[in-house]
Amino acid sequence: MRIIPAIDIIEGKCVRLTKGDYSTTKMYNENPLEVAKQFEDAGIEYLHMVDLEGAKADHVVNYKVLEKVATKTNLKIDFGGGLKSDDDVFIAFNSGAKQITGGSIAVKNTDTFLRWINKYGTQKIILGADCKNEKIAISGWLEESSLEVVPFIQDYQKNGIQYVVCTDISKDGMLQGPSVDLYKKIINQCTNGSADQSVKLIASGGVTTIEDVEVLADIGCDGVIIGKAIYENRISLKELERFL
């Protein structure tokens, strides 16, 4: 299972929210590159970067941070937040993203998201299926839709999507453990026999201890995104290094 630390960006700085609530913003480091280099030094290969201002503004804002981290490390970065137009996606890939995550766009403008899948391929496009009470949430988690998470993923599976990142918003930033039952349900219901057609699920939200990481590996997650647990020293980079 891939270990994917998270860097969330507001005003070019590394921050975390609780349950996606912008009023809970806590700044951890003014220099995201410094944080990214610490991850790389621990043998980590992947990074999940979210432009939180972009998610609210409906267009990419912090692409210069992406560019700096992409050019000064070898981390494979997946980038999300505010990707609403073809120009935004071009900027993200041009700034060094290896993959991009589309969440709100996949709900509100299916045609555009499907076009991105066709243009860039399923290796480069991740479906963001963030949910609360198993209902998909959008617009930086400020809106809850009526779409249920499993059928939402299954519909995109039919169109070739492979990578899915799912955050249970009720767990995000709470340091109370991940939604293991939800992830089991997604893995069980979105497996189509062959590995190519089964969802590669990236779990996100609530991961608190290295034991949580081990459980997510055991149930078959492709990757795990870890944020606050690293910044609050609940999981050390040494523990992640040993896991890898």
Protein backbone atom coordinates (compact mmCIF):
# COMPACT_ATOMS: atom_id res chain seq x y z
CA MET A 1 0.00 0.00 0.00
CA ARG A 2 1.25 3.45 -0.90
CA ILE A 3 1.85 6.00 1.86
CA ILE A 4 0.68 9.43 0.68
CA PRO A 5 1.23 12.34 3.09
CA ALA A 6 -1.01 15.37 2.60
CA ILE A 7 -0.06 18.99 2.21
CA ASP A 8 -3.04 21.36 2.21
CA ILE A 9 -2.32 24.90 1.06
CA ILE A 10 -3.79 28.26 2.04
CA GLU A 11 -1.86 31.46 1.19
CA GLY A 12 1.10 29.32 0.16
CA LYS A 13 1.38 27.79 3.63
CA CYS A 14 0.94 24.25 4.92
CA VAL A 15 -2.28 24.01 6.96
CA ARG A 16 -4.87 21.49 8.17
CA LEU A 17 -8.61 21.80 8.71
CA THR A 18 -10.99 19.76 10.85
CA LYS A 19 -13.94 18.21 8.98
CA GLY A 20 -13.20 20.54 6.08
CA ASP A 21 -14.23 23.60 8.13
CA TYR A 22 -12.18 26.60 7.02
CA SER A 23 -12.73 28.32 10.39
CA THR A 24 -10.61 25.56 12.01
CA THR A 25 -7.53 26.35 9.87
CA LYS A 26 -4.29 25.59 11.70
CA MET A 27 -0.98 26.55 10.12
CA TYR A 28 1.83 24.00 10.56
CA ASN A 29 4.59 25.33 8.35
CA GLU A 30 5.09 28.43 6.21
CA ASN A 31 7.25 26.43 3.81
CA PRO A 32 5.52 23.44 2.13
CA LEU A 33 8.74 22.58 0.30
CA GLU A 34 10.51 22.02 3.62
CA VAL A 35 7.73 19.63 4.68
CA ALA A 36 7.81 17.81 1.33
CA LYS A 37 11.58 17.30 1.60
CA GLN A 38 11.14 15.73 5.06
CA PHE A 39 8.72 13.24 3.52
CA GLU A 40 11.11 12.48 0.70
CA ASP A 41 14.01 12.01 3.14
CA ALA A 42 11.90 9.35 4.92
CA GLY A 43 11.70 7.30 1.72
CA ILE A 44 8.18 8.41 0.82
CA GLU A 45 7.51 8.66 -2.92
CA TYR A 46 4.02 10.18 -3.08
CA LEU A 47 2.33 13.41 -2.03
CA HIS A 48 -1.30 14.54 -1.96
CA MET A 49 -1.52 18.33 -2.37
CA VAL A 50 -4.78 20.23 -2.02
CA ASP A 51 -5.27 23.87 -2.97
CA LEU A 52 -7.87 24.78 -0.32
CA GLU A 53 -8.22 28.32 -1.66
CA GLY A 54 -8.76 26.88 -5.12
CA ALA A 55 -11.50 24.60 -3.79
CA LYS A 56 -13.41 27.67 -2.56
CA ALA A 57 -12.58 29.90 -5.53
CA ASP A 58 -13.50 27.35 -8.24
CA HIS A 59 -10.16 27.79 -10.00
CA VAL A 60 -6.56 26.86 -9.21
CA VAL A 61 -4.85 29.39 -6.93
CA ASN A 62 -1.71 27.86 -5.39
CA TYR A 63 -0.13 26.27 -8.46
CA LYS A 64 3.22 27.99 -7.75
CA VAL A 65 3.57 25.88 -4.59
CA LEU A 66 2.93 22.76 -6.67
CA GLU A 67 5.54 23.88 -9.19
CA LYS A 68 8.15 24.53 -6.49
CA VAL A 69 7.67 21.15 -4.76
CA ALA A 70 7.53 19.28 -8.09
CA THR A 71 10.76 20.84 -9.37
CA LYS A 72 12.74 20.57 -6.13
CA THR A 73 11.75 17.01 -5.08
CA ASN A 74 11.14 13.69 -6.86
CA LEU A 75 7.76 13.18 -5.16
CA LYS A 76 4.91 11.99 -7.38
CA ILE A 77 2.23 14.57 -6.61
CA ASP A 78 -1.49 14.23 -7.02
CA PHE A 79 -3.10 17.67 -6.98
CA GLY A 80 -6.66 18.75 -6.26
CA GLY A 81 -8.71 21.75 -5.27
CA GLY A 82 -10.36 24.15 -7.71
CA LEU A 83 -9.91 22.09 -10.86
CA LYS A 84 -12.97 23.21 -12.80
CA SER A 85 -11.79 23.94 -16.35
CA ASP A 86 -9.49 22.56 -19.03
CA ASP A 87 -7.15 25.47 -18.26
CA ASP A 88 -6.95 24.48 -14.58
CA VAL A 89 -5.99 20.91 -15.49
CA PHE A 90 -3.40 22.16 -17.99
CA ILE A 91 -1.91 24.43 -15.28
CA ALA A 92 -1.78 21.55 -12.78
CA PHE A 93 -0.01 19.14 -15.13
CA ASN A 94 2.22 21.91 -16.48
CA SER A 95 3.20 22.76 -12.88
CA GLY A 96 4.35 19.19 -12.25
CA ALA A 97 1.36 17.17 -11.01
CA LYS A 98 1.57 13.47 -11.92
CA GLN A 99 -2.15 13.01 -11.25
CA ILE A 100 -5.08 15.32 -10.59
CA THR A 101 -8.13 14.71 -8.43
CA GLY A 102 -11.57 15.86 -9.57
CA GLY A 103 -14.34 15.93 -7.00
CA SER A 104 -16.96 18.66 -7.47
CA ILE A 105 -16.43 18.68 -11.24
CA ALA A 106 -17.25 14.95 -11.39
CA VAL A 107 -20.63 15.73 -9.80
CA LYS A 108 -21.50 19.06 -11.40
CA ASN A 109 -20.03 18.68 -14.87
CA THR A 110 -19.79 15.01 -15.77
CA ASP A 111 -19.09 15.68 -19.45
CA THR A 112 -15.99 17.73 -18.67
CA PHE A 113 -14.65 15.14 -16.21
CA LEU A 114 -15.22 12.31 -18.70
CA ARG A 115 -13.38 14.34 -21.34
CA TRP A 116 -10.39 14.64 -19.00
CA ILE A 117 -10.40 10.86 -18.46
CA ASN A 118 -10.42 10.34 -22.23
CA LYS A 119 -7.77 12.97 -22.90
CA TYR A 120 -5.26 12.21 -20.13
CA GLY A 121 -6.02 8.55 -19.39
CA THR A 122 -7.14 6.71 -16.29
CA GLN A 123 -3.63 6.65 -14.80
CA LYS A 124 -3.63 10.43 -14.46
CA ILE A 125 -7.15 11.19 -13.29
CA ILE A 126 -8.35 10.37 -9.77
CA LEU A 127 -12.03 10.47 -8.83
CA GLY A 128 -12.60 12.37 -5.60
CA ALA A 129 -15.47 10.65 -3.78
CA ASP A 130 -15.56 12.54 -0.50
CA CYS A 131 -18.64 11.88 1.56
CA LYS A 132 -20.60 12.48 4.73
CA ASN A 133 -23.14 9.85 5.81
CA GLU A 134 -22.19 8.09 2.54
CA LYS A 135 -23.47 11.06 0.51
CA ILE A 136 -21.03 12.81 -1.84
CA ALA A 137 -19.93 16.29 -0.70
CA ILE A 138 -18.67 19.00 -3.06
CA SER A 139 -17.33 22.58 -3.24
CA GLY A 140 -14.61 22.15 -0.64
CA TRP A 141 -17.09 20.02 1.34
CA LEU A 142 -19.35 23.03 1.81
CA GLU A 143 -22.25 21.31 0.00
CA GLU A 144 -23.72 17.83 0.43
CA SER A 145 -25.25 16.23 -2.68
CA SER A 146 -27.92 13.52 -2.87
CA LEU A 147 -25.51 11.08 -4.58
CA GLU A 148 -24.59 7.93 -2.69
CA VAL A 149 -20.89 7.16 -2.66
CA VAL A 150 -20.87 3.53 -3.93
CA PRO A 151 -23.18 4.04 -6.96
CA PHE A 152 -21.28 7.28 -7.74
CA ILE A 153 -18.00 5.34 -7.93
CA GLN A 154 -19.59 2.48 -9.87
CA ASP A 155 -20.93 4.88 -12.52
CA TYR A 156 -17.42 6.22 -13.13
CA GLN A 157 -15.97 2.71 -13.10
CA LYS A 158 -18.08 2.01 -16.19
CA ASN A 159 -16.22 4.91 -17.81
CA GLY A 160 -12.80 3.48 -16.96
CA ILE A 161 -11.93 5.29 -13.72
CA GLN A 162 -9.41 3.31 -11.65
CA TYR A 163 -8.12 5.57 -8.90
CA VAL A 164 -10.57 6.80 -6.28
CA VAL A 165 -9.78 8.83 -3.18
CA CYS A 166 -12.50 8.69 -0.54
CA THR A 167 -12.55 10.88 2.56
CA ASP A 168 -15.19 10.35 5.21
CA ILE A 169 -15.59 14.02 6.19
CA SER A 170 -16.94 13.16 9.64
CA LYS A 171 -13.53 11.57 10.39
CA ASP A 172 -11.30 14.17 8.75
CA GLY A 173 -8.86 15.81 11.13
CA MET A 174 -10.53 14.19 14.16
CA LEU A 175 -7.70 11.73 14.90
CA GLN A 176 -10.27 9.08 15.87
CA GLY A 177 -9.49 6.36 13.32
CA PRO A 178 -10.55 5.85 9.68
CA SER A 179 -13.87 4.58 8.25
CA VAL A 180 -12.74 1.00 7.78
CA ASP A 181 -16.27 -0.35 7.23
CA LEU A 182 -16.95 2.22 4.50
CA TYR A 183 -13.70 1.35 2.72
CA LYS A 184 -14.43 -2.37 2.95
CA LYS A 185 -17.85 -1.72 1.42
CA ILE A 186 -16.37 0.28 -1.47
CA ILE A 187 -13.65 -2.32 -2.14
CA ASN A 188 -16.16 -5.20 -2.03
CA GLN A 189 -18.76 -3.52 -4.24
CA CYS A 190 -16.35 -1.94 -6.73
CA THR A 191 -14.29 -5.05 -7.50
CA ASN A 192 -14.90 -6.43 -10.98
CA GLY A 193 -12.94 -9.65 -10.99
CA SER A 194 -9.78 -8.44 -12.72
CA ALA A 195 -7.27 -6.07 -11.12
CA ASP A 196 -7.47 -3.65 -14.09
CA GLN A 197 -11.20 -3.13 -13.60
CA SER A 198 -11.24 -2.96 -9.82
CA VAL A 199 -11.04 0.36 -8.04
CA LYS A 200 -7.68 1.34 -6.56
CA LEU A 201 -9.02 2.91 -3.39
CA ILE A 202 -7.06 5.60 -1.57
CA ALA A 203 -8.36 6.00 1.98
CA SER A 204 -8.32 9.42 3.59
CA GLY A 205 -9.53 10.88 6.86
CA GLY A 206 -9.12 9.89 10.49
CA VAL A 207 -5.87 7.93 10.18
CA THR A 208 -4.28 8.34 13.63
CA THR A 209 -1.82 5.52 14.35
CA ILE A 210 0.48 3.20 12.45
CA GLU A 211 -1.99 0.42 13.36
CA ASP A 212 -4.66 2.27 11.33
CA VAL A 213 -2.27 2.21 8.38
CA GLU A 214 -1.75 -1.55 8.79
CA VAL A 215 -5.52 -2.20 8.94
CA LEU A 216 -6.10 -0.23 5.71
CA ALA A 217 -3.33 -2.24 4.02
CA ASP A 218 -4.93 -5.50 5.23
CA ILE A 219 -8.38 -4.68 3.78
CA GLY A 220 -6.87 -3.95 0.36
CA CYS A 221 -6.56 -0.18 0.03
CA ASP A 222 -4.19 0.92 -2.75
CA GLY A 223 -3.02 3.94 -0.77
CA VAL A 224 -3.60 5.94 2.40
CA ILE A 225 -3.49 9.71 2.75
CA ILE A 226 -2.14 10.85 6.11
CA GLY A 227 -2.33 14.46 7.24
CA LYS A 228 -2.86 15.69 10.77
CA ALA A 229 -1.51 12.49 12.37
CA ILE A 230 1.92 13.33 10.95
CA TYR A 231 1.76 17.03 11.85
CA GLU A 232 0.57 16.28 15.40
CA ASN A 233 3.26 13.57 15.84
CA ARG A 234 0.78 10.72 16.25
CA ILE A 235 2.56 8.86 13.44
CA SER A 236 6.28 9.49 13.07
CA LEU A 237 8.13 9.53 9.77
CA LYS A 238 10.34 6.78 11.27
CA GLU A 239 7.26 4.54 11.68
CA LEU A 240 6.26 5.20 8.09
CA GLU A 241 9.81 4.47 6.95
CA ARG A 242 9.66 1.10 8.75
CA PHE A 243 6.24 0.34 7.25
CA LEU A 244 7.60 1.02 3.75
